Amino acid sequence: MKVFELVEELGLKVFSGHKGLDREISGGYVSDLLSDVMGNAQEAQVWITLQVHQNVMAIASLKDLAAVILVSNLEPQENTKQNSDEENIPILGTSLPAFEIAGKIYQAFNR
C-alpha cells in the first residue's frame, strides 16, 4: 500500500511532504517516545504520534519512515513541515486518537 492510498482510504489530511505520497508502506508503529521509535520502528512504516516538533522529522528521516500521522487534530510546527518537505516524508493528520487510527490502518493492511 502506498501513502496516498492510505490517505484516500482513511480521509487523512496531508500537511506536508507531498512528494513522498507515492512511498510504499510496510506497516505501522505507534509511540510518542522518540527513543522508542528510534530503537524499534522499521523502515517504510508509518509512525503514529502526538509529537509535532521538528525532532519528529529527524527520527522519521533516520529510520526512513514512509510517513508520520499526527492524531487528535494536532498540527505540525512550521519548521517540522519544512523538514517534511525537504525529506519527502509526508506528515498526515487525523481527528482520531492513536488507538483508533492504528486499528483502521491494521484493518486496511489485512483486507
N, C-alpha and C. Protein backbone atom coordinates (compact mmCIF):
# COMPACT_ATOMS: atom_id res chain seq x y z
N MET A 1 0.84 -1.17 0.00
CA MET A 1 0.00 0.00 0.00
C MET A 1 0.90 1.24 0.00
N LYS A 2 0.52 2.23 -0.77
CA LYS A 2 1.26 3.49 -0.83
C LYS A 2 0.61 4.52 0.09
N VAL A 3 1.38 5.53 0.46
CA VAL A 3 0.89 6.55 1.39
C VAL A 3 -0.38 7.20 0.85
N PHE A 4 -0.40 7.57 -0.43
CA PHE A 4 -1.58 8.25 -0.98
C PHE A 4 -2.82 7.36 -0.90
N GLU A 5 -2.65 6.05 -1.01
CA GLU A 5 -3.79 5.14 -0.89
C GLU A 5 -4.34 5.14 0.53
N LEU A 6 -3.45 5.19 1.51
CA LEU A 6 -3.88 5.25 2.91
C LEU A 6 -4.59 6.58 3.18
N VAL A 7 -4.06 7.66 2.63
CA VAL A 7 -4.68 8.98 2.77
C VAL A 7 -6.11 8.94 2.25
N GLU A 8 -6.28 8.39 1.06
CA GLU A 8 -7.61 8.33 0.44
C GLU A 8 -8.55 7.43 1.23
N GLU A 9 -8.08 6.27 1.62
CA GLU A 9 -8.93 5.30 2.31
C GLU A 9 -9.39 5.79 3.68
N LEU A 10 -8.51 6.48 4.40
CA LEU A 10 -8.83 6.88 5.77
C LEU A 10 -9.16 8.36 5.90
N GLY A 11 -9.17 9.09 4.79
CA GLY A 11 -9.51 10.51 4.82
C GLY A 11 -8.53 11.34 5.63
N LEU A 12 -7.24 11.03 5.50
CA LEU A 12 -6.22 11.76 6.25
C LEU A 12 -5.91 13.10 5.59
N LYS A 13 -5.53 14.08 6.38
CA LYS A 13 -5.11 15.39 5.89
C LYS A 13 -3.62 15.34 5.61
N VAL A 14 -3.20 15.91 4.49
CA VAL A 14 -1.77 15.98 4.15
C VAL A 14 -1.28 17.39 4.48
N PHE A 15 -0.41 17.50 5.47
CA PHE A 15 0.14 18.79 5.88
C PHE A 15 1.34 19.18 5.03
N SER A 16 2.18 18.21 4.69
CA SER A 16 3.44 18.50 4.00
C SER A 16 4.03 17.20 3.46
N GLY A 17 5.14 17.35 2.75
CA GLY A 17 5.83 16.18 2.21
C GLY A 17 5.10 15.52 1.05
N HIS A 18 4.41 16.33 0.25
CA HIS A 18 3.58 15.80 -0.84
C HIS A 18 4.37 14.93 -1.83
N LYS A 19 5.63 15.23 -2.02
CA LYS A 19 6.43 14.44 -2.97
C LYS A 19 6.66 13.01 -2.50
N GLY A 20 6.40 12.74 -1.23
CA GLY A 20 6.58 11.39 -0.70
C GLY A 20 5.31 10.57 -0.64
N LEU A 21 4.23 11.06 -1.22
CA LEU A 21 2.96 10.34 -1.14
C LEU A 21 2.95 9.03 -1.90
N ASP A 22 3.91 8.82 -2.77
CA ASP A 22 3.98 7.55 -3.50
C ASP A 22 4.87 6.53 -2.81
N ARG A 23 5.33 6.84 -1.60
CA ARG A 23 6.17 5.90 -0.85
C ARG A 23 5.35 4.67 -0.46
N GLU A 24 6.01 3.54 -0.46
CA GLU A 24 5.38 2.27 -0.08
C GLU A 24 5.39 2.14 1.45
N ILE A 25 4.29 1.64 2.00
CA ILE A 25 4.15 1.45 3.45
C ILE A 25 4.29 -0.04 3.76
N SER A 26 5.13 -0.36 4.76
CA SER A 26 5.32 -1.76 5.16
C SER A 26 4.52 -2.12 6.41
N GLY A 27 4.03 -1.11 7.14
CA GLY A 27 3.30 -1.36 8.38
C GLY A 27 3.23 -0.08 9.18
N GLY A 28 3.00 -0.20 10.47
CA GLY A 28 2.88 0.99 11.30
C GLY A 28 3.55 0.83 12.65
N TYR A 29 3.82 1.96 13.28
CA TYR A 29 4.40 1.97 14.61
C TYR A 29 3.76 3.11 15.40
N VAL A 30 3.37 2.83 16.63
CA VAL A 30 2.71 3.83 17.48
C VAL A 30 3.56 4.07 18.71
N SER A 31 4.01 5.31 18.87
CA SER A 31 4.76 5.69 20.07
C SER A 31 4.93 7.19 20.09
N ASP A 32 5.01 7.74 21.29
CA ASP A 32 5.29 9.16 21.46
C ASP A 32 6.66 9.39 22.06
N LEU A 33 7.37 8.33 22.32
CA LEU A 33 8.71 8.41 22.89
C LEU A 33 9.74 8.30 21.76
N LEU A 34 10.45 9.37 21.49
CA LEU A 34 11.35 9.40 20.34
C LEU A 34 12.40 8.31 20.38
N SER A 35 12.96 8.04 21.55
CA SER A 35 13.99 6.99 21.65
C SER A 35 13.40 5.62 21.35
N ASP A 36 12.14 5.40 21.69
CA ASP A 36 11.48 4.13 21.37
C ASP A 36 11.34 3.97 19.86
N VAL A 37 10.91 5.02 19.19
CA VAL A 37 10.76 4.97 17.73
C VAL A 37 12.12 4.75 17.09
N MET A 38 13.13 5.47 17.58
CA MET A 38 14.47 5.33 17.03
C MET A 38 14.97 3.89 17.17
N GLY A 39 14.65 3.25 18.27
CA GLY A 39 15.14 1.90 18.51
C GLY A 39 14.31 0.79 17.91
N ASN A 40 13.03 1.06 17.63
CA ASN A 40 12.14 -0.05 17.26
C ASN A 40 11.35 0.09 15.98
N ALA A 41 11.14 1.30 15.48
CA ALA A 41 10.39 1.45 14.22
C ALA A 41 11.22 0.88 13.08
N GLN A 42 10.53 0.38 12.07
CA GLN A 42 11.18 -0.23 10.92
C GLN A 42 11.01 0.64 9.68
N GLU A 43 11.95 0.54 8.78
CA GLU A 43 11.91 1.27 7.52
C GLU A 43 10.56 1.09 6.83
N ALA A 44 10.05 2.15 6.25
CA ALA A 44 8.82 2.20 5.46
C ALA A 44 7.53 2.08 6.28
N GLN A 45 7.64 2.11 7.60
CA GLN A 45 6.43 2.12 8.41
C GLN A 45 5.87 3.54 8.49
N VAL A 46 4.58 3.64 8.82
CA VAL A 46 4.01 4.93 9.18
C VAL A 46 4.09 5.04 10.70
N TRP A 47 4.44 6.22 11.17
CA TRP A 47 4.60 6.45 12.60
C TRP A 47 3.41 7.28 13.08
N ILE A 48 2.68 6.75 14.03
CA ILE A 48 1.53 7.42 14.61
C ILE A 48 1.97 8.05 15.93
N THR A 49 1.75 9.37 16.07
CA THR A 49 2.24 10.08 17.24
C THR A 49 1.45 11.35 17.52
N LEU A 50 1.68 11.93 18.69
CA LEU A 50 1.14 13.25 19.00
C LEU A 50 2.24 14.30 19.06
N GLN A 51 3.47 13.90 18.78
CA GLN A 51 4.60 14.83 18.76
C GLN A 51 4.55 15.68 17.49
N VAL A 52 4.74 16.99 17.61
CA VAL A 52 4.60 17.89 16.47
C VAL A 52 5.86 18.69 16.15
N HIS A 53 6.92 18.55 16.94
CA HIS A 53 8.13 19.36 16.78
C HIS A 53 9.08 18.75 15.74
N GLN A 54 10.10 19.52 15.38
CA GLN A 54 10.98 19.12 14.27
C GLN A 54 11.80 17.86 14.55
N ASN A 55 11.98 17.46 15.80
CA ASN A 55 12.71 16.22 16.09
C ASN A 55 11.99 15.00 15.52
N VAL A 56 10.69 15.12 15.31
CA VAL A 56 9.92 14.04 14.68
C VAL A 56 10.50 13.74 13.30
N MET A 57 10.81 14.78 12.55
CA MET A 57 11.33 14.56 11.21
C MET A 57 12.76 14.02 11.23
N ALA A 58 13.53 14.38 12.24
CA ALA A 58 14.88 13.83 12.36
C ALA A 58 14.81 12.31 12.53
N ILE A 59 13.89 11.86 13.37
CA ILE A 59 13.72 10.42 13.60
C ILE A 59 13.14 9.75 12.36
N ALA A 60 12.12 10.37 11.77
CA ALA A 60 11.48 9.79 10.57
C ALA A 60 12.50 9.62 9.45
N SER A 61 13.38 10.60 9.30
CA SER A 61 14.41 10.52 8.26
C SER A 61 15.45 9.45 8.60
N LEU A 62 15.90 9.44 9.85
CA LEU A 62 16.88 8.46 10.29
C LEU A 62 16.39 7.03 10.06
N LYS A 63 15.13 6.78 10.33
CA LYS A 63 14.55 5.44 10.20
C LYS A 63 13.96 5.19 8.81
N ASP A 64 14.00 6.18 7.93
CA ASP A 64 13.43 6.10 6.58
C ASP A 64 11.97 5.65 6.63
N LEU A 65 11.20 6.34 7.46
CA LEU A 65 9.77 6.01 7.59
C LEU A 65 9.00 6.52 6.39
N ALA A 66 7.88 5.88 6.09
CA ALA A 66 7.06 6.26 4.94
C ALA A 66 6.29 7.54 5.19
N ALA A 67 5.83 7.76 6.42
CA ALA A 67 5.03 8.94 6.75
C ALA A 67 4.88 9.03 8.26
N VAL A 68 4.46 10.21 8.70
CA VAL A 68 4.13 10.45 10.11
C VAL A 68 2.66 10.84 10.15
N ILE A 69 1.91 10.24 11.07
CA ILE A 69 0.50 10.57 11.24
C ILE A 69 0.31 11.21 12.61
N LEU A 70 -0.17 12.45 12.61
CA LEU A 70 -0.48 13.15 13.85
C LEU A 70 -1.94 12.91 14.21
N VAL A 71 -2.18 12.64 15.47
CA VAL A 71 -3.52 12.27 15.93
C VAL A 71 -4.23 13.44 16.61
N SER A 72 -5.51 13.25 16.88
CA SER A 72 -6.33 14.15 17.70
C SER A 72 -6.31 15.60 17.24
N ASN A 73 -6.36 15.81 15.92
CA ASN A 73 -6.40 17.15 15.32
C ASN A 73 -5.15 18.00 15.60
N LEU A 74 -4.05 17.36 15.95
CA LEU A 74 -2.81 18.10 16.15
C LEU A 74 -2.23 18.51 14.81
N GLU A 75 -1.49 19.61 14.80
CA GLU A 75 -0.87 20.10 13.57
C GLU A 75 0.63 20.29 13.80
N PRO A 76 1.44 20.02 12.79
CA PRO A 76 2.88 20.14 12.95
C PRO A 76 3.31 21.60 13.04
N GLN A 77 4.42 21.84 13.72
CA GLN A 77 5.01 23.17 13.74
C GLN A 77 5.53 23.50 12.34
N GLU A 78 5.68 24.79 12.04
CA GLU A 78 6.12 25.21 10.71
C GLU A 78 7.46 24.60 10.31
N ASN A 79 8.44 24.60 11.24
CA ASN A 79 9.74 24.04 10.89
C ASN A 79 9.66 22.53 10.68
N THR A 80 8.71 21.88 11.31
CA THR A 80 8.50 20.45 11.10
C THR A 80 7.98 20.20 9.68
N LYS A 81 7.06 21.03 9.24
CA LYS A 81 6.54 20.91 7.87
C LYS A 81 7.65 21.18 6.84
N GLN A 82 8.49 22.16 7.11
CA GLN A 82 9.60 22.45 6.20
C GLN A 82 10.54 21.25 6.08
N ASN A 83 10.86 20.64 7.21
CA ASN A 83 11.72 19.45 7.19
C ASN A 83 11.05 18.30 6.45
N SER A 84 9.76 18.17 6.61
CA SER A 84 8.99 17.13 5.92
C SER A 84 9.10 17.30 4.40
N ASP A 85 8.96 18.54 3.95
CA ASP A 85 9.08 18.81 2.51
C ASP A 85 10.49 18.52 2.01
N GLU A 86 11.50 18.87 2.81
CA GLU A 86 12.88 18.63 2.41
C GLU A 86 13.20 17.14 2.34
N GLU A 87 12.63 16.36 3.26
CA GLU A 87 12.92 14.92 3.34
C GLU A 87 11.97 14.08 2.49
N ASN A 88 10.92 14.70 1.94
CA ASN A 88 9.89 13.98 1.17
C ASN A 88 9.23 12.87 2.00
N ILE A 89 9.04 13.17 3.28
CA ILE A 89 8.32 12.26 4.17
C ILE A 89 7.04 12.97 4.59
N PRO A 90 5.89 12.50 4.12
CA PRO A 90 4.64 13.19 4.42
C PRO A 90 4.30 13.22 5.91
N ILE A 91 3.75 14.36 6.32
CA ILE A 91 3.12 14.47 7.63
C ILE A 91 1.62 14.52 7.36
N LEU A 92 0.92 13.58 7.96
CA LEU A 92 -0.52 13.44 7.77
C LEU A 92 -1.23 13.73 9.09
N GLY A 93 -2.52 13.99 9.02
CA GLY A 93 -3.26 14.25 10.24
C GLY A 93 -4.62 13.60 10.25
N THR A 94 -5.11 13.36 11.46
CA THR A 94 -6.43 12.78 11.68
C THR A 94 -7.03 13.36 12.95
N SER A 95 -8.35 13.34 13.02
CA SER A 95 -9.03 13.76 14.25
C SER A 95 -9.10 12.60 15.25
N LEU A 96 -8.83 11.40 14.79
CA LEU A 96 -8.93 10.21 15.64
C LEU A 96 -7.78 10.13 16.65
N PRO A 97 -8.02 9.48 17.79
CA PRO A 97 -6.92 9.19 18.70
C PRO A 97 -6.04 8.07 18.14
N ALA A 98 -4.86 7.90 18.70
CA ALA A 98 -3.90 6.92 18.19
C ALA A 98 -4.48 5.51 18.14
N PHE A 99 -5.21 5.11 19.16
CA PHE A 99 -5.77 3.77 19.22
C PHE A 99 -6.67 3.49 18.01
N GLU A 100 -7.53 4.44 17.70
CA GLU A 100 -8.48 4.23 16.60
C GLU A 100 -7.81 4.24 15.23
N ILE A 101 -6.90 5.19 14.98
CA ILE A 101 -6.26 5.23 13.67
C ILE A 101 -5.36 4.01 13.48
N ALA A 102 -4.73 3.54 14.54
CA ALA A 102 -3.91 2.33 14.44
C ALA A 102 -4.77 1.14 14.04
N GLY A 103 -5.94 1.04 14.64
CA GLY A 103 -6.86 -0.05 14.29
C GLY A 103 -7.30 0.01 12.85
N LYS A 104 -7.59 1.20 12.36
CA LYS A 104 -8.02 1.36 10.97
C LYS A 104 -6.88 1.02 10.00
N ILE A 105 -5.67 1.41 10.35
CA ILE A 105 -4.53 1.07 9.50
C ILE A 105 -4.31 -0.45 9.50
N TYR A 106 -4.42 -1.05 10.66
CA TYR A 106 -4.27 -2.50 10.75
C TYR A 106 -5.31 -3.20 9.87
N GLN A 107 -6.55 -2.75 9.94
CA GLN A 107 -7.60 -3.34 9.10
C GLN A 107 -7.30 -3.15 7.61
N ALA A 108 -6.82 -1.97 7.23
CA ALA A 108 -6.52 -1.71 5.83
C ALA A 108 -5.43 -2.65 5.32
N PHE A 109 -4.48 -2.99 6.16
CA PHE A 109 -3.40 -3.89 5.76
C PHE A 109 -3.82 -5.36 5.73
N ASN A 110 -4.90 -5.68 6.37
CA ASN A 110 -5.30 -7.08 6.48
C ASN A 110 -6.58 -7.40 5.70
N ARG A 111 -6.84 -6.64 4.67
CA ARG A 111 -8.00 -6.94 3.80
C ARG A 111 -7.58 -7.81 2.67
